[in-house]
Amino acid sequence: PGYFPGSAAIERAEYDRWLEHIGEIANVVRTYTIHPP
């Protein structure tokens, strides 16, 4: 929210949280493009 994809605005804490949840239900995460470091 508040950002278009090209802003690359997702932060480390958000990724940490999201990957933890994704890893509980999935074995693969797909990205469409290069994400931030």
All heavy atoms as atom14 arrays in JSON, in Angstrom:
{
  "sequence": "PGYFPGSAAIERAEYDRWLEHIGEIANVVRTYTIHPP",
  "atom14_mask": [
    [1, 1, 1, 1, 1, 1, 1, 0, 0, 0, 0, 0, 0, 0],
    [1, 1, 1, 1, 0, 0, 0, 0, 0, 0, 0, 0, 0, 0],
    [1, 1, 1, 1, 1, 1, 1, 1, 1, 1, 1, 1, 0, 0],
    [1, 1, 1, 1, 1, 1, 1, 1, 1, 1, 1, 0, 0, 0],
    [1, 1, 1, 1, 1, 1, 1, 0, 0, 0, 0, 0, 0, 0],
    [1, 1, 1, 1, 0, 0, 0, 0, 0, 0, 0, 0, 0, 0],
    [1, 1, 1, 1, 1, 1, 0, 0, 0, 0, 0, 0, 0, 0],
    [1, 1, 1, 1, 1, 0, 0, 0, 0, 0, 0, 0, 0, 0],
    [1, 1, 1, 1, 1, 0, 0, 0, 0, 0, 0, 0, 0, 0],
    [1, 1, 1, 1, 1, 1, 1, 1, 0, 0, 0, 0, 0, 0],
    [1, 1, 1, 1, 1, 1, 1, 1, 1, 0, 0, 0, 0, 0],
    [1, 1, 1, 1, 1, 1, 1, 1, 1, 1, 1, 0, 0, 0],
    [1, 1, 1, 1, 1, 0, 0, 0, 0, 0, 0, 0, 0, 0],
    [1, 1, 1, 1, 1, 1, 1, 1, 1, 0, 0, 0, 0, 0],
    [1, 1, 1, 1, 1, 1, 1, 1, 1, 1, 1, 1, 0, 0],
    [1, 1, 1, 1, 1, 1, 1, 1, 0, 0, 0, 0, 0, 0],
    [1, 1, 1, 1, 1, 1, 1, 1, 1, 1, 1, 0, 0, 0],
    [1, 1, 1, 1, 1, 1, 1, 1, 1, 1, 1, 1, 1, 1],
    [1, 1, 1, 1, 1, 1, 1, 1, 0, 0, 0, 0, 0, 0],
    [1, 1, 1, 1, 1, 1, 1, 1, 1, 0, 0, 0, 0, 0],
    [1, 1, 1, 1, 1, 1, 1, 1, 1, 1, 0, 0, 0, 0],
    [1, 1, 1, 1, 1, 1, 1, 1, 0, 0, 0, 0, 0, 0],
    [1, 1, 1, 1, 0, 0, 0, 0, 0, 0, 0, 0, 0, 0],
    [1, 1, 1, 1, 1, 1, 1, 1, 1, 0, 0, 0, 0, 0],
    [1, 1, 1, 1, 1, 1, 1, 1, 0, 0, 0, 0, 0, 0],
    [1, 1, 1, 1, 1, 0, 0, 0, 0, 0, 0, 0, 0, 0],
    [1, 1, 1, 1, 1, 1, 1, 1, 0, 0, 0, 0, 0, 0],
    [1, 1, 1, 1, 1, 1, 1, 0, 0, 0, 0, 0, 0, 0],
    [1, 1, 1, 1, 1, 1, 1, 0, 0, 0, 0, 0, 0, 0],
    [1, 1, 1, 1, 1, 1, 1, 1, 1, 1, 1, 0, 0, 0],
    [1, 1, 1, 1, 1, 1, 1, 0, 0, 0, 0, 0, 0, 0],
    [1, 1, 1, 1, 1, 1, 1, 1, 1, 1, 1, 1, 0, 0],
    [1, 1, 1, 1, 1, 1, 1, 0, 0, 0, 0, 0, 0, 0],
    [1, 1, 1, 1, 1, 1, 1, 1, 0, 0, 0, 0, 0, 0],
    [1, 1, 1, 1, 1, 1, 1, 1, 1, 1, 0, 0, 0, 0],
    [1, 1, 1, 1, 1, 1, 1, 0, 0, 0, 0, 0, 0, 0],
    [1, 1, 1, 1, 1, 1, 1, 0, 0, 0, 0, 0, 0, 0]
  ],
  "atom14_positions": [
    [[0.81, -1.22, 0.0], [0.0, 0.0, 0.0], [0.85, 1.27, 0.0], [1.85, 1.38, 0.71], [-0.79, -0.13, 1.3], [-0.93, -1.6, 1.49], [0.37, -2.17, 1.03], [0.0, 0.0, 0.0], [0.0, 0.0, 0.0], [0.0, 0.0, 0.0], [0.0, 0.0, 0.0], [0.0, 0.0, 0.0], [0.0, 0.0, 0.0], [0.0, 0.0, 0.0]],
    [[0.42, 2.21, -0.85], [1.12, 3.48, -0.94], [2.21, 3.53, -1.97], [2.78, 4.6, -2.22], [0.0, 0.0, 0.0], [0.0, 0.0, 0.0], [0.0, 0.0, 0.0], [0.0, 0.0, 0.0], [0.0, 0.0, 0.0], [0.0, 0.0, 0.0], [0.0, 0.0, 0.0], [0.0, 0.0, 0.0], [0.0, 0.0, 0.0], [0.0, 0.0, 0.0]],
    [[2.5, 2.39, -2.61], [3.63, 2.35, -3.54], [3.29, 1.5, -4.77], [2.64, 0.45, -4.66], [4.87, 1.73, -2.88], [5.41, 2.53, -1.73], [4.95, 2.3, -0.42], [6.37, 3.52, -1.92], [5.43, 3.03, 0.65], [6.86, 4.25, -0.84], [6.4, 4.0, 0.43], [6.88, 4.71, 1.5], [0.0, 0.0, 0.0], [0.0, 0.0, 0.0]],
    [[3.78, 1.93, -5.92], [3.76, 1.1, -7.11], [4.93, 0.12, -7.04], [5.9, 0.36, -6.3], [3.87, 1.96, -8.36], [2.6, 2.68, -8.73], [2.38, 3.99, -8.32], [1.63, 2.05, -9.48], [1.21, 4.66, -8.65], [0.45, 2.7, -9.82], [0.24, 4.0, -9.41], [0.0, 0.0, 0.0], [0.0, 0.0, 0.0], [0.0, 0.0, 0.0]],
    [[4.89, -0.97, -7.8], [5.98, -1.96, -7.74], [7.35, -1.36, -8.02], [8.34, -1.75, -7.4], [5.58, -2.99, -8.8], [4.12, -2.84, -8.96], [3.8, -1.41, -8.7], [0.0, 0.0, 0.0], [0.0, 0.0, 0.0], [0.0, 0.0, 0.0], [0.0, 0.0, 0.0], [0.0, 0.0, 0.0], [0.0, 0.0, 0.0], [0.0, 0.0, 0.0]],
    [[7.41, -0.42, -8.97], [8.69, 0.15, -9.35], [9.37, 0.94, -8.26], [10.56, 1.27, -8.38], [0.0, 0.0, 0.0], [0.0, 0.0, 0.0], [0.0, 0.0, 0.0], [0.0, 0.0, 0.0], [0.0, 0.0, 0.0], [0.0, 0.0, 0.0], [0.0, 0.0, 0.0], [0.0, 0.0, 0.0], [0.0, 0.0, 0.0], [0.0, 0.0, 0.0]],
    [[8.65, 1.23, -7.18], [9.28, 1.93, -6.06], [10.18, 1.02, -5.25], [11.0, 1.5, -4.47], [8.2, 2.52, -5.14], [7.42, 3.49, -5.8], [0.0, 0.0, 0.0], [0.0, 0.0, 0.0], [0.0, 0.0, 0.0], [0.0, 0.0, 0.0], [0.0, 0.0, 0.0], [0.0, 0.0, 0.0], [0.0, 0.0, 0.0], [0.0, 0.0, 0.0]],
    [[10.01, -0.31, -5.42], [10.84, -1.28, -4.69], [10.88, -0.93, -3.2], [11.94, -0.85, -2.58], [12.25, -1.34, -5.28], [0.0, 0.0, 0.0], [0.0, 0.0, 0.0], [0.0, 0.0, 0.0], [0.0, 0.0, 0.0], [0.0, 0.0, 0.0], [0.0, 0.0, 0.0], [0.0, 0.0, 0.0], [0.0, 0.0, 0.0], [0.0, 0.0, 0.0]],
    [[9.7, -0.75, -2.6], [9.61, -0.17, -1.27], [9.47, -1.18, -0.14], [9.45, -0.8, 1.03], [8.42, 0.8, -1.23], [0.0, 0.0, 0.0], [0.0, 0.0, 0.0], [0.0, 0.0, 0.0], [0.0, 0.0, 0.0], [0.0, 0.0, 0.0], [0.0, 0.0, 0.0], [0.0, 0.0, 0.0], [0.0, 0.0, 0.0], [0.0, 0.0, 0.0]],
    [[9.35, -2.47, -0.46], [9.19, -3.47, 0.6], [10.49, -3.56, 1.4], [11.58, -3.62, 0.84], [8.82, -4.84, 0.0], [7.53, -4.72, -0.83], [8.62, -5.87, 1.11], [7.2, -5.95, -1.64], [0.0, 0.0, 0.0], [0.0, 0.0, 0.0], [0.0, 0.0, 0.0], [0.0, 0.0, 0.0], [0.0, 0.0, 0.0], [0.0, 0.0, 0.0]],
    [[10.37, -3.59, 2.72], [11.53, -3.55, 3.59], [11.86, -4.93, 4.16], [11.07, -5.86, 4.09], [11.29, -2.54, 4.72], [11.07, -1.12, 4.21], [10.75, -0.13, 5.31], [10.58, -0.57, 6.47], [10.67, 1.08, 5.01], [0.0, 0.0, 0.0], [0.0, 0.0, 0.0], [0.0, 0.0, 0.0], [0.0, 0.0, 0.0], [0.0, 0.0, 0.0]],
    [[13.05, -5.02, 4.74], [13.56, -6.31, 5.24], [12.61, -6.96, 6.24], [12.33, -8.16, 6.16], [14.95, -6.1, 5.85], [15.52, -7.32, 6.57], [15.77, -8.51, 5.64], [16.12, -9.7, 6.39], [17.37, -10.02, 6.75], [18.39, -9.22, 6.42], [17.6, -11.14, 7.41], [0.0, 0.0, 0.0], [0.0, 0.0, 0.0], [0.0, 0.0, 0.0]],
    [[12.12, -6.2, 7.19], [11.23, -6.79, 8.2], [9.98, -7.38, 7.56], [9.46, -8.41, 8.02], [10.85, -5.74, 9.24], [0.0, 0.0, 0.0], [0.0, 0.0, 0.0], [0.0, 0.0, 0.0], [0.0, 0.0, 0.0], [0.0, 0.0, 0.0], [0.0, 0.0, 0.0], [0.0, 0.0, 0.0], [0.0, 0.0, 0.0], [0.0, 0.0, 0.0]],
    [[9.48, -6.71, 6.53], [8.31, -7.24, 5.82], [8.65, -8.54, 5.11], [7.91, -9.52, 5.19], [7.8, -6.19, 4.83], [7.24, -4.96, 5.52], [7.0, -3.8, 4.57], [7.93, -3.4, 3.85], [5.87, -3.27, 4.57], [0.0, 0.0, 0.0], [0.0, 0.0, 0.0], [0.0, 0.0, 0.0], [0.0, 0.0, 0.0], [0.0, 0.0, 0.0]],
    [[9.77, -8.56, 4.41], [10.18, -9.8, 3.74], [10.38, -10.93, 4.74], [9.98, -12.08, 4.49], [11.47, -9.57, 2.95], [11.3, -8.89, 1.62], [12.0, -7.73, 1.31], [10.44, -9.42, 0.65], [11.86, -7.1, 0.07], [10.3, -8.81, -0.58], [11.0, -7.65, -0.87], [10.86, -7.04, -2.09], [0.0, 0.0, 0.0], [0.0, 0.0, 0.0]],
    [[11.01, -10.64, 5.87], [11.22, -11.68, 6.88], [9.89, -12.27, 7.32], [9.73, -13.5, 7.43], [11.94, -11.09, 8.09], [13.43, -10.86, 7.86], [14.01, -11.55, 7.01], [14.0, -9.98, 8.54], [0.0, 0.0, 0.0], [0.0, 0.0, 0.0], [0.0, 0.0, 0.0], [0.0, 0.0, 0.0], [0.0, 0.0, 0.0], [0.0, 0.0, 0.0]],
    [[8.95, -11.39, 7.59], [7.63, -11.83, 8.05], [6.93, -12.64, 6.97], [6.36, -13.71, 7.23], [6.81, -10.58, 8.4], [5.88, -10.73, 9.53], [5.39, -9.41, 10.09], [5.13, -8.38, 9.1], [5.8, -7.21, 9.07], [6.77, -6.97, 9.94], [5.5, -6.29, 8.18], [0.0, 0.0, 0.0], [0.0, 0.0, 0.0], [0.0, 0.0, 0.0]],
    [[6.95, -12.13, 5.75], [6.23, -12.78, 4.67], [6.82, -14.15, 4.33], [6.08, -15.11, 4.12], [6.24, -11.88, 3.43], [5.51, -10.58, 3.62], [4.85, -10.16, 4.74], [5.39, -9.53, 2.68], [4.31, -8.91, 4.56], [4.63, -8.49, 3.29], [5.84, -9.34, 1.38], [4.31, -7.31, 2.63], [5.53, -8.15, 0.72], [4.78, -7.16, 1.34]],
    [[8.14, -14.23, 4.24], [8.76, -15.51, 3.89], [8.5, -16.56, 4.97], [8.35, -17.75, 4.66], [10.26, -15.32, 3.67], [10.64, -14.49, 2.43], [12.14, -14.3, 2.36], [10.12, -15.14, 1.15], [0.0, 0.0, 0.0], [0.0, 0.0, 0.0], [0.0, 0.0, 0.0], [0.0, 0.0, 0.0], [0.0, 0.0, 0.0], [0.0, 0.0, 0.0]],
    [[8.45, -16.13, 6.22], [8.13, -17.07, 7.29], [6.74, -17.66, 7.07], [6.53, -18.88, 7.19], [8.2, -16.35, 8.64], [8.04, -17.27, 9.84], [9.23, -18.17, 10.06], [10.36, -17.78, 9.7], [9.03, -19.3, 10.59], [0.0, 0.0, 0.0], [0.0, 0.0, 0.0], [0.0, 0.0, 0.0], [0.0, 0.0, 0.0], [0.0, 0.0, 0.0]],
    [[5.77, -16.82, 6.74], [4.42, -17.31, 6.49], [4.36, -18.15, 5.22], [3.7, -19.19, 5.19], [3.45, -16.13, 6.37], [3.2, -15.41, 7.66], [2.83, -16.05, 8.82], [3.25, -14.08, 7.97], [2.66, -15.17, 9.79], [2.91, -13.97, 9.31], [0.0, 0.0, 0.0], [0.0, 0.0, 0.0], [0.0, 0.0, 0.0], [0.0, 0.0, 0.0]],
    [[5.02, -17.71, 4.16], [5.0, -18.47, 2.91], [5.62, -19.84, 3.12], [5.11, -20.86, 2.63], [5.74, -17.69, 1.8], [4.97, -16.43, 1.42], [5.94, -18.57, 0.56], [5.72, -15.5, 0.48], [0.0, 0.0, 0.0], [0.0, 0.0, 0.0], [0.0, 0.0, 0.0], [0.0, 0.0, 0.0], [0.0, 0.0, 0.0], [0.0, 0.0, 0.0]],
    [[6.73, -19.89, 3.86], [7.4, -21.16, 4.09], [6.58, -22.16, 4.85], [6.85, -23.37, 4.8], [0.0, 0.0, 0.0], [0.0, 0.0, 0.0], [0.0, 0.0, 0.0], [0.0, 0.0, 0.0], [0.0, 0.0, 0.0], [0.0, 0.0, 0.0], [0.0, 0.0, 0.0], [0.0, 0.0, 0.0], [0.0, 0.0, 0.0], [0.0, 0.0, 0.0]],
    [[5.56, -21.69, 5.57], [4.69, -22.61, 6.3], [3.7, -23.34, 5.4], [3.15, -24.37, 5.79], [3.95, -21.85, 7.39], [4.86, -21.35, 8.52], [4.12, -20.51, 9.54], [2.9, -20.32, 9.36], [4.74, -20.06, 10.51], [0.0, 0.0, 0.0], [0.0, 0.0, 0.0], [0.0, 0.0, 0.0], [0.0, 0.0, 0.0], [0.0, 0.0, 0.0]],
    [[3.45, -22.79, 4.2], [2.44, -23.42, 3.32], [2.98, -23.78, 1.95], [2.27, -24.4, 1.15], [1.21, -22.51, 3.15], [1.59, -21.21, 2.42], [0.55, -22.22, 4.48], [0.39, -20.39, 1.99], [0.0, 0.0, 0.0], [0.0, 0.0, 0.0], [0.0, 0.0, 0.0], [0.0, 0.0, 0.0], [0.0, 0.0, 0.0], [0.0, 0.0, 0.0]],
    [[4.21, -23.41, 1.62], [4.71, -23.59, 0.26], [6.18, -24.0, 0.28], [6.88, -23.82, 1.28], [4.53, -22.3, -0.54], [0.0, 0.0, 0.0], [0.0, 0.0, 0.0], [0.0, 0.0, 0.0], [0.0, 0.0, 0.0], [0.0, 0.0, 0.0], [0.0, 0.0, 0.0], [0.0, 0.0, 0.0], [0.0, 0.0, 0.0], [0.0, 0.0, 0.0]],
    [[6.64, -24.52, -0.86], [8.07, -24.86, -0.98], [8.79, -24.0, -2.01], [10.0, -24.12, -2.17], [8.26, -26.35, -1.3], [7.62, -26.78, -2.62], [7.1, -25.95, -3.37], [7.66, -28.07, -2.91], [0.0, 0.0, 0.0], [0.0, 0.0, 0.0], [0.0, 0.0, 0.0], [0.0, 0.0, 0.0], [0.0, 0.0, 0.0], [0.0, 0.0, 0.0]],
    [[8.05, -23.14, -2.71], [8.64, -22.28, -3.74], [8.02, -20.89, -3.64], [6.81, -20.76, -3.46], [8.43, -22.84, -5.16], [8.87, -21.83, -6.22], [9.18, -24.15, -5.35], [0.0, 0.0, 0.0], [0.0, 0.0, 0.0], [0.0, 0.0, 0.0], [0.0, 0.0, 0.0], [0.0, 0.0, 0.0], [0.0, 0.0, 0.0], [0.0, 0.0, 0.0]],
    [[8.85, -19.87, -3.74], [8.38, -18.51, -3.9], [8.88, -18.02, -5.26], [10.05, -18.19, -5.6], [8.86, -17.58, -2.76], [10.37, -17.54, -2.64], [8.3, -16.18, -2.94], [0.0, 0.0, 0.0], [0.0, 0.0, 0.0], [0.0, 0.0, 0.0], [0.0, 0.0, 0.0], [0.0, 0.0, 0.0], [0.0, 0.0, 0.0], [0.0, 0.0, 0.0]],
    [[7.97, -17.45, -6.03], [8.34, -16.95, -7.36], [8.33, -15.43, -7.36], [7.41, -14.81, -6.83], [7.36, -17.45, -8.42], [7.65, -16.88, -9.81], [6.42, -16.9, -10.67], [6.61, -16.24, -11.95], [5.64, -16.03, -12.83], [4.42, -16.43, -12.57], [5.87, -15.4, -13.97], [0.0, 0.0, 0.0], [0.0, 0.0, 0.0], [0.0, 0.0, 0.0]],
    [[9.34, -14.84, -7.96], [9.38, -13.4, -8.19], [9.3, -13.13, -9.68], [9.76, -13.94, -10.5], [10.66, -12.78, -7.63], [11.78, -13.3, -8.34], [10.81, -13.07, -6.14], [0.0, 0.0, 0.0], [0.0, 0.0, 0.0], [0.0, 0.0, 0.0], [0.0, 0.0, 0.0], [0.0, 0.0, 0.0], [0.0, 0.0, 0.0], [0.0, 0.0, 0.0]],
    [[8.75, -11.98, -10.03], [8.6, -11.61, -11.44], [9.79, -10.82, -11.95], [9.98, -10.69, -13.16], [7.33, -10.79, -11.63], [6.07, -11.54, -11.32], [5.53, -11.53, -10.04], [5.41, -12.29, -12.3], [4.38, -12.23, -9.74], [4.26, -12.99, -12.01], [3.74, -12.96, -10.74], [2.6, -13.66, -10.44], [0.0, 0.0, 0.0], [0.0, 0.0, 0.0]],
    [[10.55, -10.26, -11.02], [11.64, -9.37, -11.39], [12.63, -9.35, -10.24], [12.44, -10.02, -9.21], [11.09, -7.96, -11.68], [12.13, -7.14, -12.22], [10.55, -7.31, -10.41], [0.0, 0.0, 0.0], [0.0, 0.0, 0.0], [0.0, 0.0, 0.0], [0.0, 0.0, 0.0], [0.0, 0.0, 0.0], [0.0, 0.0, 0.0], [0.0, 0.0, 0.0]],
    [[13.7, -8.59, -10.37], [14.67, -8.45, -9.3], [14.05, -7.62, -8.17], [13.63, -6.48, -8.38], [15.95, -7.77, -9.82], [16.62, -8.64, -10.89], [16.91, -7.47, -8.68], [17.75, -7.94, -11.62], [0.0, 0.0, 0.0], [0.0, 0.0, 0.0], [0.0, 0.0, 0.0], [0.0, 0.0, 0.0], [0.0, 0.0, 0.0], [0.0, 0.0, 0.0]],
    [[14.0, -8.2, -6.99], [13.51, -7.49, -5.81], [14.66, -6.72, -5.17], [15.82, -6.9, -5.53], [12.92, -8.49, -4.82], [11.49, -8.85, -5.09], [10.47, -8.6, -4.21], [10.91, -9.43, -6.17], [9.32, -9.02, -4.72], [9.57, -9.53, -5.92], [0.0, 0.0, 0.0], [0.0, 0.0, 0.0], [0.0, 0.0, 0.0], [0.0, 0.0, 0.0]],
    [[14.36, -5.88, -4.2], [15.44, -5.17, -3.49], [16.38, -6.14, -2.79], [16.01, -7.3, -2.51], [14.68, -4.3, -2.48], [13.3, -4.19, -3.01], [13.03, -5.47, -3.74], [0.0, 0.0, 0.0], [0.0, 0.0, 0.0], [0.0, 0.0, 0.0], [0.0, 0.0, 0.0], [0.0, 0.0, 0.0], [0.0, 0.0, 0.0], [0.0, 0.0, 0.0]],
    [[17.59, -5.71, -2.47], [18.54, -6.59, -1.77], [17.95, -7.2, -0.5], [18.32, -8.33, -0.13], [19.7, -5.65, -1.45], [19.66, -4.61, -2.52], [18.2, -4.4, -2.8], [0.0, 0.0, 0.0], [0.0, 0.0, 0.0], [0.0, 0.0, 0.0], [0.0, 0.0, 0.0], [0.0, 0.0, 0.0], [0.0, 0.0, 0.0], [0.0, 0.0, 0.0]]
  ]
}
